[in-house]
Protein backbone atom coordinates (compact mmCIF):
# COMPACT_ATOMS: atom_id res chain seq x y z
CA MET A 1 136.69 220.35 84.10
CA THR A 2 136.71 224.33 85.14
CA TYR A 3 134.08 226.39 85.58
CA PHE A 4 134.73 230.31 86.27
CA ASN A 5 132.62 233.17 87.44
CA ASN A 6 134.18 236.39 88.16
CA MET A 7 132.14 239.79 89.00
CA GLN A 8 133.61 243.24 90.08
CA ILE A 9 131.14 245.98 91.77
CA PRO A 10 132.76 249.47 92.13
CA HIS A 11 131.69 251.66 94.87
CA GLU A 12 133.13 254.76 96.60
CA LYS A 13 136.82 255.73 96.43
CA SER A 14 137.51 253.11 93.75
CA LYS A 15 137.21 250.28 96.21
CA LEU A 16 135.75 247.13 94.91
CA SER A 17 133.38 244.16 96.13
CA THR A 18 134.30 241.10 94.13
CA THR A 19 132.79 237.69 93.93
CA ARG A 20 134.57 234.70 92.38
CA SER A 21 134.07 231.19 91.98
CA LEU A 22 135.61 228.09 90.58
CA ILE A 23 134.64 224.47 89.91
CA THR A 24 137.71 222.16 89.00
CA THR A 25 139.02 218.63 89.00
CA ASP A 26 142.48 220.08 89.24
CA LEU A 27 143.97 220.97 92.60
CA ASN A 28 146.98 222.86 91.34
CA GLU A 29 144.44 225.25 89.58
CA LEU A 30 142.51 225.70 92.84
CA ALA A 31 145.72 226.68 94.66
CA ILE A 32 146.71 229.18 91.74
CA PHE A 33 143.10 230.51 91.99
CA GLN A 34 143.80 231.31 95.84
CA ALA A 35 147.49 232.37 95.15
CA SER A 36 147.17 235.09 97.90
CA LYS A 37 146.26 232.44 100.32
CA ASN A 38 149.57 230.59 99.65
CA ARG A 39 147.64 227.20 99.69
CA SER A 40 148.60 223.91 98.58
CA TYR A 41 146.68 220.49 98.14
CA ARG A 42 147.46 216.78 98.21
CA GLN A 43 144.93 214.23 97.28
CA LEU A 44 145.31 211.38 99.89
CA LYS A 45 142.43 208.98 99.13
CA LYS A 46 141.20 207.34 95.91
CA GLY A 47 138.66 208.96 93.89
CA LYS A 48 137.56 211.44 91.16
CA LEU A 49 137.84 214.71 93.14
CA THR A 50 135.88 217.69 92.35
CA ALA A 51 136.28 220.98 94.14
CA HIS A 52 133.65 223.95 94.52
CA TYR A 53 135.15 227.25 95.67
CA LYS A 54 133.19 230.63 96.10
CA GLU A 55 134.21 233.69 97.72
CA ALA A 56 132.89 237.41 98.31
CA SER A 57 135.27 240.17 99.12
CA PHE A 58 133.88 243.29 101.24
CA GLY A 59 137.10 245.27 101.78
CA ASN A 60 137.91 244.33 105.28
CA VAL A 61 136.36 241.02 105.20
CA GLN A 62 136.39 238.22 102.76
CA VAL A 63 133.80 235.20 103.05
CA PHE A 64 134.42 232.05 101.06
CA LYS A 65 133.16 228.58 101.15
CA GLU A 66 135.01 225.52 99.93
CA LYS A 67 133.85 221.93 99.12
CA LEU A 68 135.99 218.82 98.27
CA ASN A 69 134.60 215.53 97.68
CA VAL A 70 137.86 213.12 98.42
CA GLY A 71 140.28 212.94 100.98
CA ALA A 72 143.06 215.25 101.05
CA ARG A 73 145.42 217.65 102.87
CA ILE A 74 145.35 221.47 102.45
CA THR A 75 148.26 223.65 103.88
CA ALA A 76 148.49 227.49 103.83
CA SER A 77 150.27 230.34 105.43
CA PRO A 78 147.57 233.22 105.34
CA ALA A 79 149.08 236.77 104.85
CA GLU A 80 150.09 238.46 108.31
CA ALA A 81 147.38 241.26 107.47
CA TYR A 82 144.50 238.75 107.78
CA ILE A 83 142.85 236.89 110.47
CA PRO A 84 140.67 233.86 109.21
CA PHE A 85 138.28 231.83 111.13
CA ALA A 86 136.23 229.03 109.71
CA PHE A 87 133.49 226.37 110.67
CA VAL A 88 133.87 222.88 109.25
CA LEU A 89 130.28 221.72 108.54
CA PRO A 90 129.00 218.46 110.06
CA CYS A 91 128.73 216.55 106.80
CA SER A 92 132.63 216.79 106.29
CA GLY A 93 133.14 213.78 108.87
CA GLU A 94 136.69 212.97 110.29
CA HIS A 95 139.27 215.59 109.98
CA ARG A 96 142.06 217.03 112.08
CA PHE A 97 143.53 220.71 112.08
CA CYS A 98 147.07 221.33 112.84
CA GLY A 99 147.00 217.77 114.33
CA TYR A 100 144.01 218.43 116.75
CA GLU A 101 140.98 216.09 115.92
CA GLY A 102 138.11 218.08 114.90
CA ILE A 103 135.16 218.28 117.12
CA ASN A 104 131.44 219.44 117.11
CA ASN A 105 130.39 222.94 117.12
CA ALA A 106 133.87 224.37 116.80
CA LEU A 107 135.35 227.37 115.13
CA VAL A 108 138.81 226.92 113.70
CA GLN A 109 141.28 229.75 113.89
CA ALA A 110 143.82 229.98 111.50
CA GLY A 111 145.94 232.92 112.13
CA GLY A 112 149.07 231.55 113.53
CA GLY A 113 151.34 231.09 110.42
CA ILE A 114 151.27 227.96 108.56
CA TRP A 115 148.19 225.57 109.17
CA ASP A 116 147.19 222.48 107.66
CA ILE A 117 143.88 220.45 107.84
CA CYS A 118 143.62 216.53 106.85
CA TYR A 119 140.31 215.02 106.22
CA LYS A 120 139.41 211.56 105.47
CA ASP A 121 136.50 211.53 103.01
CA ARG A 122 135.25 215.04 102.36
CA LEU A 123 135.37 218.47 103.33
CA ASP A 124 133.02 221.61 103.24
CA TYR A 125 133.47 224.81 105.38
CA LEU A 126 132.66 228.22 105.60
CA CYS A 127 135.19 231.01 106.46
CA THR A 128 135.48 234.74 107.54
CA ALA A 129 138.91 236.20 106.94
CA PHE A 130 139.36 239.74 108.41
CA ASN A 131 141.63 242.36 108.06
CA ARG A 132 143.64 241.91 111.37
CA GLU A 133 143.57 245.51 112.37
CA TYR A 134 139.86 245.79 111.52
CA PHE A 135 139.13 242.60 113.67
CA TYR A 136 140.95 243.88 116.84
CA GLU A 137 139.17 247.19 116.49
CA SER A 138 135.68 245.38 116.15
CA TYR A 139 136.44 243.22 119.00
CA GLU A 140 137.48 245.89 121.37
CA ALA A 141 134.24 247.89 120.35
CA LEU A 142 131.98 245.36 121.16
CA THR A 143 133.52 243.92 124.20
CA GLY A 144 135.35 246.96 125.67
CA GLN A 145 138.48 244.63 125.89
CA LEU A 146 141.51 243.89 123.95
CA MET A 147 141.35 240.79 121.87
CA PRO A 148 142.94 237.77 123.80
CA MET A 149 145.98 236.88 121.90
CA GLU A 150 144.84 233.05 121.86
CA TYR A 151 142.40 234.13 119.16
CA SER A 152 145.10 234.70 116.93
CA LYS A 153 146.69 231.34 117.17
CA SER A 154 145.87 228.27 114.95
CA GLN A 155 143.81 226.01 117.01
CA ILE A 156 140.15 224.67 117.59
CA ASN A 157 137.73 226.59 119.74
CA GLN A 158 134.52 224.75 120.82
CA THR A 159 131.58 227.18 121.13
CA SER A 160 127.68 226.85 121.53
CA VAL A 161 125.40 225.39 119.11
CA GLN A 162 123.43 228.42 118.80
CA ALA A 163 126.53 230.68 118.16
CA ILE A 164 127.90 228.23 115.49
CA THR A 165 124.27 228.04 113.86
CA ASN A 166 124.16 232.01 113.69
CA TYR A 167 127.61 232.07 112.40
CA SER A 168 127.05 229.52 109.49
CA PHE A 169 123.58 230.79 108.88
CA GLY A 170 124.73 234.51 108.59
CA VAL A 171 127.94 233.87 106.49
CA ASN A 172 125.95 231.61 104.14
CA TYR A 173 123.16 234.20 103.72
CA VAL A 174 125.76 236.99 103.14
CA LEU A 175 127.47 234.86 100.30
CA ARG A 176 124.20 234.15 98.58
CA GLN A 177 123.12 237.70 98.67
CA ALA A 178 126.68 238.79 97.21
CA TYR A 179 125.96 236.40 94.09
CA GLN A 180 122.26 237.34 93.81
CA TYR A 181 122.22 241.17 94.22
CA GLN A 182 125.44 242.61 93.09
CA GLY A 183 123.79 246.06 92.90
CA MET A 184 123.49 246.01 96.64
CA PHE A 185 127.31 246.84 97.14
CA LYS A 186 127.49 249.81 95.22
CA GLN A 187 127.13 252.00 98.55
CA SER A 188 129.96 252.29 101.18
CA HIS A 189 127.47 252.16 103.84
CA VAL A 190 126.27 248.79 102.72
CA MET A 191 129.56 247.44 102.61
CA ASN A 192 130.42 248.59 106.23
CA LEU A 193 127.47 247.07 107.52
CA ILE A 194 128.06 243.62 106.12
CA CYS A 195 131.59 243.97 107.42
CA SER A 196 130.33 244.89 110.99
CA GLN A 197 127.58 241.92 110.87
CA LEU A 198 130.23 239.57 109.94
CA ALA A 199 132.71 240.58 112.61
CA LYS A 200 129.85 240.35 115.22
CA LEU A 201 128.69 236.92 114.13
CA THR A 202 132.28 235.63 114.69
CA ILE A 203 133.08 237.37 117.74
CA ASP A 204 129.85 236.15 119.38
CA ALA A 205 131.12 232.57 118.48
CA LEU A 206 134.35 233.33 120.09
CA LEU A 207 133.03 234.83 123.14
CA MET A 208 130.56 231.82 123.76
CA SER A 209 133.73 229.53 123.44
CA SER A 210 134.67 230.69 126.89
CA ASN A 211 131.69 228.77 128.33
CA PHE A 212 133.19 225.34 127.30
CA LYS A 213 135.94 223.62 129.09
CA TYR A 214 137.51 222.29 126.07
CA ASN A 215 141.03 222.13 126.51
CA LEU A 216 143.51 221.07 123.63
CA LYS A 217 145.75 218.44 124.65
CA ALA A 218 149.53 218.74 124.40
CA GLN A 219 150.23 216.87 121.35
CA PRO A 220 152.36 213.52 121.73
CA LYS A 221 155.78 213.30 120.24
CA ARG A 222 154.43 210.91 117.52
CA ILE A 223 152.37 213.62 116.25
CA LYS A 224 154.92 216.35 116.21
CA GLY A 225 157.42 214.01 114.61
CA ALA A 226 154.73 213.12 111.99
CA GLN A 227 154.24 216.74 111.24
CA ARG A 228 158.03 217.29 110.77
CA VAL A 229 158.26 214.41 108.26
CA ILE A 230 155.07 215.73 106.21
CA ASP A 231 156.73 219.02 106.10
CA TYR A 232 159.96 217.56 105.01
CA LEU A 233 158.31 215.42 102.33
CA GLN A 234 156.66 218.55 100.85
CA VAL A 235 160.11 219.40 99.57
CA HIS A 236 162.05 216.26 99.29
CA ALA A 237 159.54 213.41 98.11
CA GLN A 238 161.10 213.54 94.78
CA GLN A 239 164.35 212.57 96.41
CA LEU A 240 162.87 209.22 97.56
CA PRO A 241 163.68 209.42 101.06
CA ASP A 242 164.06 206.08 103.00
CA MET A 243 162.59 204.97 106.38
CA GLN A 244 165.83 205.66 108.03
CA THR A 245 166.12 209.30 106.71
CA LEU A 246 162.36 209.88 107.79
CA CYS A 247 162.90 208.46 111.30
CA LYS A 248 165.86 210.92 111.81
CA VAL A 249 163.54 213.72 110.58
CA ALA A 250 161.11 212.93 113.07
CA ASN A 251 163.41 211.97 115.80
CA LEU A 252 161.24 208.66 116.56
CA SER A 253 161.30 205.15 116.11
CA GLU A 254 159.95 203.45 112.93
CA ARG A 255 157.04 202.03 114.92
CA SER A 256 156.25 205.47 116.75
CA LEU A 257 156.50 207.28 113.33
CA GLU A 258 153.98 204.92 111.67
CA TYR A 259 151.60 205.24 114.54
CA GLY A 260 151.72 209.14 114.32
CA PHE A 261 151.23 208.93 110.56
CA LYS A 262 148.29 206.46 111.03
CA GLU A 263 146.65 208.82 113.52
CA TYR A 264 147.43 211.90 111.64
CA LEU A 265 146.68 210.97 108.02
CA GLY A 266 145.64 207.03 108.20
CA VAL A 267 148.42 205.96 106.16
CA THR A 268 151.86 204.85 106.99
CA PRO A 269 155.06 207.24 106.17
CA ILE A 270 156.14 205.01 103.03
CA ARG A 271 152.60 205.09 101.72
CA TYR A 272 152.43 208.95 102.21
CA THR A 273 155.54 209.42 100.51
CA ARG A 274 154.48 207.37 97.35
CA ILE A 275 151.21 209.35 97.48
CA MET A 276 153.05 212.52 97.35
CA ARG A 277 155.01 211.50 94.42
CA LEU A 278 151.86 210.36 92.75
CA ASN A 279 150.55 214.23 93.13
CA GLY A 280 153.77 215.48 91.98
CA VAL A 281 153.34 213.63 88.73
CA ARG A 282 149.92 214.72 88.48
CA PHE A 283 150.65 218.10 88.95
CA GLU A 284 153.29 218.19 86.60
CA LEU A 285 151.04 216.59 83.72
CA LEU A 286 148.43 218.94 84.35
CA SER A 287 150.76 222.03 84.06
CA SER A 288 152.52 220.92 80.99
CA LEU A 289 152.56 223.37 78.24
CA ASN A 290 155.23 221.61 76.15
CA GLU A 291 153.95 219.21 73.30
CA CYS A 292 157.00 216.91 73.89
CA THR A 293 155.88 216.00 77.73
CA ASN A 294 155.33 212.20 77.95
CA VAL A 295 154.13 210.29 80.78
CA SER A 296 157.07 208.09 81.06
CA ASP A 297 159.57 210.91 81.48
CA VAL A 298 157.58 212.45 84.21
CA ALA A 299 157.13 209.33 86.01
CA ILE A 300 160.70 208.33 86.09
CA LYS A 301 161.36 211.92 87.11
CA TRP A 302 159.49 211.25 90.20
CA GLY A 303 161.04 207.72 90.98
CA PHE A 304 158.43 205.42 89.35
CA LEU A 305 160.70 202.90 87.28
CA GLU A 306 157.92 200.18 86.94
CA LEU A 307 155.67 202.08 84.63
CA GLY A 308 153.05 199.59 84.60
CA ARG A 309 152.63 199.41 88.26
CA PHE A 310 152.84 203.19 88.30
CA ALA A 311 149.83 203.67 86.02
CA GLY A 312 147.74 201.33 88.01
CA GLU A 313 148.44 203.24 91.22
CA TYR A 314 147.65 206.36 89.59
CA LYS A 315 144.73 205.30 88.14
CA GLN A 316 143.56 203.76 91.72
CA LEU A 317 144.22 207.26 93.19
CA PHE A 318 142.96 209.80 90.66
CA ASP A 319 140.17 207.61 88.90
CA GLU A 320 142.07 208.05 85.67
CA LEU A 321 145.14 206.85 83.60
CA PRO A 322 148.20 209.22 83.63
CA SER A 323 147.87 209.53 79.70
CA GLN A 324 144.36 210.79 80.17
CA THR A 325 145.42 213.43 82.54
CA LEU A 326 147.95 214.60 79.98
CA ARG A 327 145.59 214.54 77.07
CA ARG A 328 143.31 216.90 79.09
CA ALA A 329 146.00 219.21 79.65
CA LYS A 330 146.89 219.65 76.36
CA CYS A 331 143.36 220.00 74.97
């Protein structure tokens, strides 16, 4: 089930303020909807997933909100021109960002190349993604200093309760206004004001983080090894790699790798490999445009030879049979 909402509001010099929203049960569709962010999604926990996504773009800043109700892993590599910051709302529960455990009152920085977030049950967050040059200039104007390079790394930065409250309230307010009053964005000076306010909210939260002695601990070898295997399986899960291969990729013993996976994702490497393959089947079924596509062929392609067991595992993870997924895709 999918719902779209797209609007475009013209203003001076043919620039556009845009709002877009999507409600979907298809994570592949969600990734395509955000193609410019180079995202991928993999469902990890069982349940009927629904994703809500809403964004508003104001030239130098894009604001968006994303909510997912079933545990999953998201990876992305933002374009070099942008520097994103996000606040994971408290209702999200347990999560890890780039291997670091989520903490209260934290601003997540996603500006250092590829990043990932793994969450156990649900994820609900707000984000401001800035044109990098605009953000650097705003930081220098507000503080009189060059922006520290650690703010452009992918990491978690703890800040004050007041700063994060101001950030989340302000970003939510701008997003609501963008959808309610499209006409207010026809004037370039209004767009500029919104961008500057969003920059100040974000920079204030970053500046307050200097008051907290929250030091990110060096990640243990088992976490780094688990990350290497996770990246490897992103490409090679369909090839059915065995445990020996995964241990070589991680440069860890089987026990250390299992500890790393359970700490990072809450599942064993073998279970994660199977989950990746089930996700692969689902994406292929949902993307099918061929009337001749059948579940058995796709399942076998992904290494599932016991089709009865496969169907049971698929239903347990996605709350529907693979045949139901395929029927929905062909409707």
